[in-house]
Amino acid sequence: MSLEVGNKVAVLDEAISGTVAKIEGKTVFIETEDGFLLDFQVHELLKLEERDTLKSNIFSEHSINEVMSEKEQNTKRKSVKVKPKERNQPAMEVDLHIHNLTKNERHLSNYDMLTLQLDTAKKQLEFAINKRVQKIVFIHGVGEGVLKMELETLFGRYDNVKFYAADFQKYGLGAMEVYIYQNVPQ
């Protein structure tokens, strides 16, 4: 775009227009309707007489008016606010209480129950890793701590996993949160 002294111009990202008063290299000094002398770079300006040429060459009249009205509007964009508690919520919860894993636990020995719980935990962890789920909470309950120790051993076998006690306010002492690092080469 070639500008000359005397051309009418509008500033693209601000509601300012005026007449070109002086040009020094790529800096253009414009005089506003209020008599202020402001300087802008050439790429920040739109020559007002070129609107008609632009309409016929590149844009329809409708799109130029949309662009100009969008630039002139000074409305604040609405963003969805996510509370910190909601942002940090795990995407997945796995309840390892035995009554949730089988219909009838009376026929199972302690070893069978522990094995079923650990197999479920391993399957769910593998599923989460494959589906790129970043956080999982394993609810193990308080009990005697055997399942908790076995889970720590299981999670310790994975290089891309970090585990720690889950949110105390929500789960008490009976849950463990697992964070899965996503960018680890496999």
Protein backbone atom coordinates (compact mmCIF):
# COMPACT_ATOMS: atom_id res chain seq x y z
CA MET A 1 0.00 0.00 0.00
CA SER A 2 1.44 3.34 -0.96
CA LEU A 3 0.54 6.26 1.23
CA GLU A 4 1.01 9.91 0.45
CA VAL A 5 0.65 13.05 2.52
CA GLY A 6 -3.03 14.04 2.50
CA ASN A 7 -4.46 10.47 2.29
CA LYS A 8 -7.31 9.60 4.63
CA VAL A 9 -6.41 6.56 6.77
CA ALA A 10 -7.86 4.46 9.59
CA VAL A 11 -5.87 2.58 12.23
CA LEU A 12 -6.63 -1.14 12.08
CA ASP A 13 -6.62 -2.08 15.76
CA GLU A 14 -7.88 1.17 17.23
CA ALA A 15 -10.82 3.50 16.65
CA ILE A 16 -8.59 6.24 15.19
CA SER A 17 -8.69 7.83 11.77
CA GLY A 18 -7.18 10.91 10.26
CA THR A 19 -5.09 12.40 7.48
CA VAL A 20 -1.46 11.54 6.67
CA ALA A 21 0.64 14.54 7.73
CA LYS A 22 4.20 13.19 7.31
CA ILE A 23 5.95 9.96 6.28
CA GLU A 24 9.42 8.98 7.55
CA GLY A 25 10.45 5.54 6.25
CA LYS A 26 7.84 3.06 7.48
CA THR A 27 6.53 5.42 10.16
CA VAL A 28 3.47 7.43 9.19
CA PHE A 29 2.34 10.48 11.17
CA ILE A 30 -1.39 11.09 11.00
CA GLU A 31 -3.38 14.05 12.21
CA THR A 32 -6.64 13.00 13.84
CA GLU A 33 -9.95 14.87 13.58
CA ASP A 34 -9.17 16.26 17.05
CA GLY A 35 -5.87 17.75 15.85
CA PHE A 36 -3.49 15.27 17.51
CA LEU A 37 -0.39 14.11 15.64
CA LEU A 38 0.10 10.33 16.12
CA ASP A 39 2.66 7.99 14.57
CA PHE A 40 1.97 4.43 13.33
CA GLN A 41 3.71 1.84 11.20
CA VAL A 42 2.49 1.49 7.62
CA HIS A 43 1.10 -2.02 8.24
CA GLU A 44 -1.12 -0.67 11.05
CA LEU A 45 -3.04 1.63 8.70
CA LEU A 46 -5.79 1.22 6.14
CA LYS A 47 -6.08 3.77 3.34
CA LEU A 48 -9.74 4.76 3.30
CA GLU A 49 -9.91 5.38 -0.47
CA GLU A 50 -8.67 1.83 -1.04
CA ARG A 51 -11.80 0.37 0.49
CA ASP A 52 -13.63 0.39 -2.84
CA THR A 53 -10.71 -1.31 -4.61
CA LEU A 54 -10.42 -3.90 -1.85
CA LYS A 55 -14.13 -4.63 -2.01
CA SER A 56 -14.03 -5.52 -5.64
CA ASN A 57 -10.71 -7.39 -5.56
CA ILE A 58 -10.50 -9.37 -2.34
CA PHE A 59 -13.45 -8.91 -0.03
CA SER A 60 -17.15 -8.61 -0.48
CA GLU A 61 -18.67 -5.44 0.93
CA HIS A 62 -20.23 -7.55 3.65
CA SER A 63 -16.90 -9.01 4.86
CA ILE A 64 -15.10 -5.63 4.92
CA ASN A 65 -17.88 -4.13 6.99
CA GLU A 66 -17.75 -7.14 9.34
CA VAL A 67 -13.98 -6.80 9.76
CA MET A 68 -14.16 -3.07 10.36
CA SER A 69 -17.04 -3.37 12.86
CA GLU A 70 -15.21 -6.19 14.64
CA LYS A 71 -12.10 -4.01 14.90
CA GLU A 72 -14.14 -1.05 16.13
CA GLN A 73 -16.01 -3.01 18.83
CA ASN A 74 -14.40 -2.81 22.20
CA THR A 75 -16.30 -5.63 23.89
CA LYS A 76 -14.61 -7.95 26.32
CA ARG A 77 -14.68 -11.58 25.30
CA LYS A 78 -16.42 -13.93 27.72
CA SER A 79 -14.28 -16.80 28.92
CA VAL A 80 -15.48 -19.82 30.79
CA LYS A 81 -14.22 -19.68 34.34
CA VAL A 82 -13.04 -23.00 35.73
CA LYS A 83 -12.64 -23.13 39.48
CA PRO A 84 -9.26 -24.40 40.70
CA LYS A 85 -10.95 -27.35 42.42
CA GLU A 86 -12.68 -28.40 39.18
CA ARG A 87 -9.51 -27.91 37.13
CA ASN A 88 -7.60 -30.35 39.29
CA GLN A 89 -10.30 -33.02 39.42
CA PRO A 90 -9.05 -36.41 38.22
CA ALA A 91 -10.58 -37.65 35.00
CA MET A 92 -11.02 -41.18 36.29
CA GLU A 93 -11.83 -42.90 39.59
CA VAL A 94 -11.40 -46.62 40.20
CA ASP A 95 -13.05 -48.05 43.33
CA LEU A 96 -11.17 -51.19 44.36
CA HIS A 97 -13.50 -52.19 47.21
CA ILE A 98 -14.14 -55.90 46.70
CA HIS A 99 -17.95 -55.57 46.80
CA ASN A 100 -17.70 -53.35 43.68
CA LEU A 101 -15.61 -55.88 41.76
CA THR A 102 -17.57 -59.09 42.31
CA LYS A 103 -21.17 -60.04 43.06
CA ASN A 104 -20.33 -62.54 45.80
CA GLU A 105 -17.09 -62.21 47.71
CA ARG A 106 -17.90 -64.92 50.29
CA HIS A 107 -16.34 -67.69 48.15
CA LEU A 108 -13.03 -65.76 47.71
CA SER A 109 -9.98 -66.11 49.95
CA ASN A 110 -7.99 -63.02 51.00
CA TYR A 111 -5.38 -63.88 48.36
CA ASP A 112 -8.06 -64.13 45.63
CA MET A 113 -9.58 -60.79 46.67
CA LEU A 114 -6.19 -59.06 46.64
CA THR A 115 -5.34 -60.58 43.26
CA LEU A 116 -8.67 -59.44 41.79
CA GLN A 117 -8.13 -55.91 43.14
CA LEU A 118 -4.56 -55.71 41.80
CA ASP A 119 -5.55 -57.10 38.38
CA THR A 120 -8.34 -54.51 38.17
CA ALA A 121 -5.92 -51.72 39.15
CA LYS A 122 -3.37 -52.85 36.56
CA LYS A 123 -5.99 -53.09 33.77
CA GLN A 124 -7.38 -49.65 34.61
CA LEU A 125 -3.90 -48.13 34.74
CA GLU A 126 -2.99 -49.66 31.35
CA PHE A 127 -6.30 -48.39 29.94
CA ALA A 128 -5.56 -44.87 31.24
CA ILE A 129 -2.05 -44.93 29.78
CA ASN A 130 -3.36 -46.05 26.36
CA LYS A 131 -6.21 -43.49 26.37
CA ARG A 132 -3.86 -40.73 27.56
CA VAL A 133 -5.80 -40.05 30.77
CA GLN A 134 -3.52 -37.98 32.95
CA LYS A 135 -4.90 -38.51 36.47
CA ILE A 136 -6.61 -41.48 38.11
CA VAL A 137 -7.69 -42.00 41.68
CA PHE A 138 -7.62 -45.55 43.00
CA ILE A 139 -9.89 -45.90 46.02
CA HIS A 140 -8.43 -48.73 48.11
CA GLY A 141 -10.01 -48.11 51.50
CA VAL A 142 -8.20 -47.99 54.82
CA GLY A 143 -8.23 -51.59 56.09
CA GLU A 144 -4.92 -53.11 57.17
CA GLY A 145 -2.90 -51.40 54.42
CA VAL A 146 -2.03 -54.54 52.42
CA LEU A 147 -3.75 -53.39 49.22
CA LYS A 148 -2.19 -49.92 49.58
CA MET A 149 1.33 -51.40 49.81
CA GLU A 150 0.70 -53.71 46.85
CA LEU A 151 -0.59 -50.76 44.79
CA GLU A 152 2.55 -48.78 45.61
CA THR A 153 4.63 -51.74 44.41
CA LEU A 154 2.55 -52.00 41.22
CA PHE A 155 2.77 -48.27 40.42
CA GLY A 156 6.50 -48.25 41.21
CA ARG A 157 7.08 -50.59 38.23
CA TYR A 158 6.04 -47.88 35.78
CA ASP A 159 8.55 -45.21 34.72
CA ASN A 160 5.95 -42.71 33.50
CA VAL A 161 3.85 -42.77 36.68
CA LYS A 162 3.95 -40.71 39.87
CA PHE A 163 1.63 -41.63 42.75
CA TYR A 164 0.69 -39.96 46.02
CA ALA A 165 -2.13 -39.77 48.54
CA ALA A 166 -5.34 -38.44 47.00
CA ASP A 167 -7.24 -35.38 48.25
CA PHE A 168 -7.82 -35.98 51.97
CA GLN A 169 -10.99 -33.86 52.13
CA LYS A 170 -12.66 -35.93 49.44
CA TYR A 171 -11.26 -39.45 49.98
CA GLY A 172 -9.79 -39.51 53.48
CA LEU A 173 -6.83 -41.85 53.90
CA GLY A 174 -8.23 -44.57 51.65
CA ALA A 175 -7.23 -43.40 48.15
CA MET A 176 -4.18 -42.91 45.99
CA GLU A 177 -3.88 -40.53 43.06
CA VAL A 178 -1.77 -41.54 40.07
CA TYR A 179 -0.35 -38.96 37.65
CA ILE A 180 0.70 -40.33 34.25
CA TYR A 181 3.40 -38.46 32.33
CA GLN A 182 2.27 -38.28 28.70
CA ASN A 183 5.44 -37.35 26.80
CA VAL A 184 7.63 -40.28 27.78
CA PRO A 185 9.01 -42.17 24.74
CA GLN A 186 7.87 -45.78 24.70
